[in-house]
Amino acid sequence: MTLALPNAASVALLHKSEVLLIQRARAPWLGMWSLPGGRLEPGEDAETCATRELKEELGLAVFALRPVMRLNLGEQNRFLLQVFGTEAFEGEIVPNDEIMAVRWVRSDGLDTLPTTPHLGEVLHRAFRLFDRS
């Protein structure tokens, strides 16, 4: 099954040479490190979803989202994930119960972390998009 429109969205929050990762506290990918985000609600587009999810999961307001890439993920490509990137965010990081931990990670610091599929490629593209390759 291949979806035509995204049904999930995530955001690479970049600060200098680091990206904010979350450790997931729920399935799918329980315990894995990933970008914050989630599933679209009825009537939402991917950018609205990404903005809402960052507010709900981390208490952060995000601005000036730029598309990074789309990924098919999950069993039988159940999710079409639209990944955005931004350097524009504000607020204090206050994780909700969907998150076990939060960590700023350098682009070369993924090797020691169990991550969700394709995270290395996503971050490579996000850092290039913001001239941090």
Protein backbone atom coordinates (compact mmCIF):
# COMPACT_ATOMS: atom_id res chain seq x y z
CA MET A 1 0.00 0.00 0.00
CA THR A 2 1.43 3.39 -1.00
CA LEU A 3 -0.31 6.53 0.21
CA ALA A 4 -0.68 9.61 -1.99
CA LEU A 5 -0.98 12.15 0.85
CA PRO A 6 0.91 12.20 4.15
CA ASN A 7 -0.89 10.83 7.19
CA ALA A 8 1.89 11.74 9.64
CA ALA A 9 4.38 14.57 10.10
CA SER A 10 7.56 15.25 12.06
CA VAL A 11 9.99 18.11 12.54
CA ALA A 12 13.78 18.34 12.64
CA LEU A 13 14.42 21.18 15.11
CA LEU A 14 17.92 22.42 14.33
CA HIS A 15 20.11 24.53 16.57
CA LYS A 16 23.64 25.15 15.26
CA SER A 17 25.09 21.66 14.64
CA GLU A 18 22.49 19.78 16.72
CA VAL A 19 19.00 18.39 16.28
CA LEU A 20 16.41 17.71 18.98
CA LEU A 21 15.53 14.02 19.25
CA ILE A 22 12.92 12.33 21.38
CA GLN A 23 12.92 8.80 22.77
CA ARG A 24 9.50 7.32 22.07
CA ALA A 25 7.46 6.07 25.03
CA ARG A 26 4.79 4.39 22.86
CA ALA A 27 4.46 2.04 19.92
CA PRO A 28 5.30 2.09 17.14
CA TRP A 29 9.05 2.22 17.71
CA LEU A 30 8.88 2.20 21.52
CA GLY A 31 12.24 3.21 23.01
CA MET A 32 13.68 4.37 19.70
CA TRP A 33 15.10 7.86 19.15
CA SER A 34 13.29 9.90 16.52
CA LEU A 35 12.06 13.33 15.51
CA PRO A 36 9.00 14.65 17.33
CA GLY A 37 5.75 14.38 15.43
CA GLY A 38 2.67 12.25 14.94
CA ARG A 39 -0.40 11.40 12.93
CA LEU A 40 -2.65 13.84 11.13
CA GLU A 41 -6.09 14.46 12.60
CA PRO A 42 -9.15 14.64 10.29
CA GLY A 43 -9.06 17.76 8.13
CA GLU A 44 -5.43 18.60 8.97
CA ASP A 45 -2.65 19.12 6.48
CA ALA A 46 0.89 17.93 7.25
CA GLU A 47 2.24 21.35 8.30
CA THR A 48 -0.65 21.98 10.70
CA CYS A 49 -0.14 18.51 12.16
CA ALA A 50 3.59 19.09 12.66
CA THR A 51 2.95 22.40 14.43
CA ARG A 52 0.27 20.88 16.68
CA GLU A 53 2.34 17.80 17.53
CA LEU A 54 5.37 19.87 18.59
CA LYS A 55 3.16 21.95 20.87
CA GLU A 56 1.49 18.86 22.37
CA GLU A 57 4.60 16.69 22.73
CA LEU A 58 7.18 19.30 23.73
CA GLY A 59 5.40 22.56 24.52
CA LEU A 60 7.24 24.32 21.68
CA ALA A 61 5.88 26.70 19.07
CA VAL A 62 7.50 26.17 15.67
CA PHE A 63 7.64 28.54 12.71
CA ALA A 64 8.91 28.69 9.13
CA LEU A 65 8.69 24.94 8.51
CA ARG A 66 10.47 23.79 5.36
CA PRO A 67 9.78 20.40 3.72
CA VAL A 68 12.72 18.00 3.99
CA MET A 69 11.37 14.76 2.53
CA ARG A 70 8.58 12.16 2.60
CA LEU A 71 9.04 8.60 3.85
CA ASN A 72 6.94 5.45 3.70
CA LEU A 73 7.19 3.77 7.09
CA GLY A 74 5.67 0.97 9.12
CA GLU A 75 4.26 -2.39 8.23
CA GLN A 76 3.06 -2.35 4.63
CA ASN A 77 4.05 1.35 4.44
CA ARG A 78 1.19 2.26 6.77
CA PHE A 79 2.53 5.77 7.26
CA LEU A 80 3.52 8.38 4.72
CA LEU A 81 5.54 10.74 6.88
CA GLN A 82 6.16 14.33 5.80
CA VAL A 83 9.32 15.57 7.51
CA PHE A 84 9.83 19.28 8.00
CA GLY A 85 12.83 21.19 9.27
CA THR A 86 13.17 24.51 11.06
CA GLU A 87 15.50 26.63 13.12
CA ALA A 88 12.62 28.83 14.29
CA PHE A 89 11.02 27.68 17.53
CA GLU A 90 10.32 29.07 20.97
CA GLY A 91 9.20 27.94 24.39
CA GLU A 92 10.51 25.71 27.11
CA ILE A 93 10.85 22.01 26.36
CA VAL A 94 8.28 20.20 28.51
CA PRO A 95 7.86 16.61 27.23
CA ASN A 96 4.47 14.92 27.54
CA ASP A 97 3.87 11.25 28.42
CA GLU A 98 4.52 10.09 24.83
CA ILE A 99 8.23 10.86 25.34
CA MET A 100 10.70 8.98 27.56
CA ALA A 101 13.60 11.39 27.06
CA VAL A 102 14.74 14.38 25.01
CA ARG A 103 18.27 15.02 23.80
CA TRP A 104 20.12 17.48 21.56
CA VAL A 105 22.33 15.40 19.27
CA ARG A 106 25.09 16.38 16.86
CA SER A 107 24.56 15.23 13.29
CA ASP A 108 27.36 12.69 13.72
CA GLY A 109 26.05 11.41 17.08
CA LEU A 110 23.46 8.89 15.89
CA ASP A 111 25.77 5.87 15.84
CA THR A 112 25.27 5.09 19.53
CA LEU A 113 21.48 5.51 19.56
CA PRO A 114 18.76 3.07 18.49
CA THR A 115 16.81 5.16 15.96
CA THR A 116 13.69 4.92 13.87
CA PRO A 117 14.15 3.85 10.23
CA HIS A 118 15.94 6.27 7.89
CA LEU A 119 16.69 8.88 10.59
CA GLY A 120 20.29 9.29 9.42
CA GLU A 121 19.20 10.09 5.85
CA VAL A 122 16.48 12.47 7.08
CA LEU A 123 18.93 14.39 9.26
CA HIS A 124 21.52 14.53 6.49
CA ARG A 125 18.94 16.16 4.22
CA ALA A 126 17.70 18.51 6.95
CA PHE A 127 21.20 19.73 7.80
CA ARG A 128 21.95 20.25 4.07
CA LEU A 129 18.69 22.18 3.63
CA PHE A 130 19.84 24.58 6.35
CA ASP A 131 23.44 24.72 5.08
CA ARG A 132 24.95 22.58 7.80
CA SER A 133 26.30 19.66 5.74
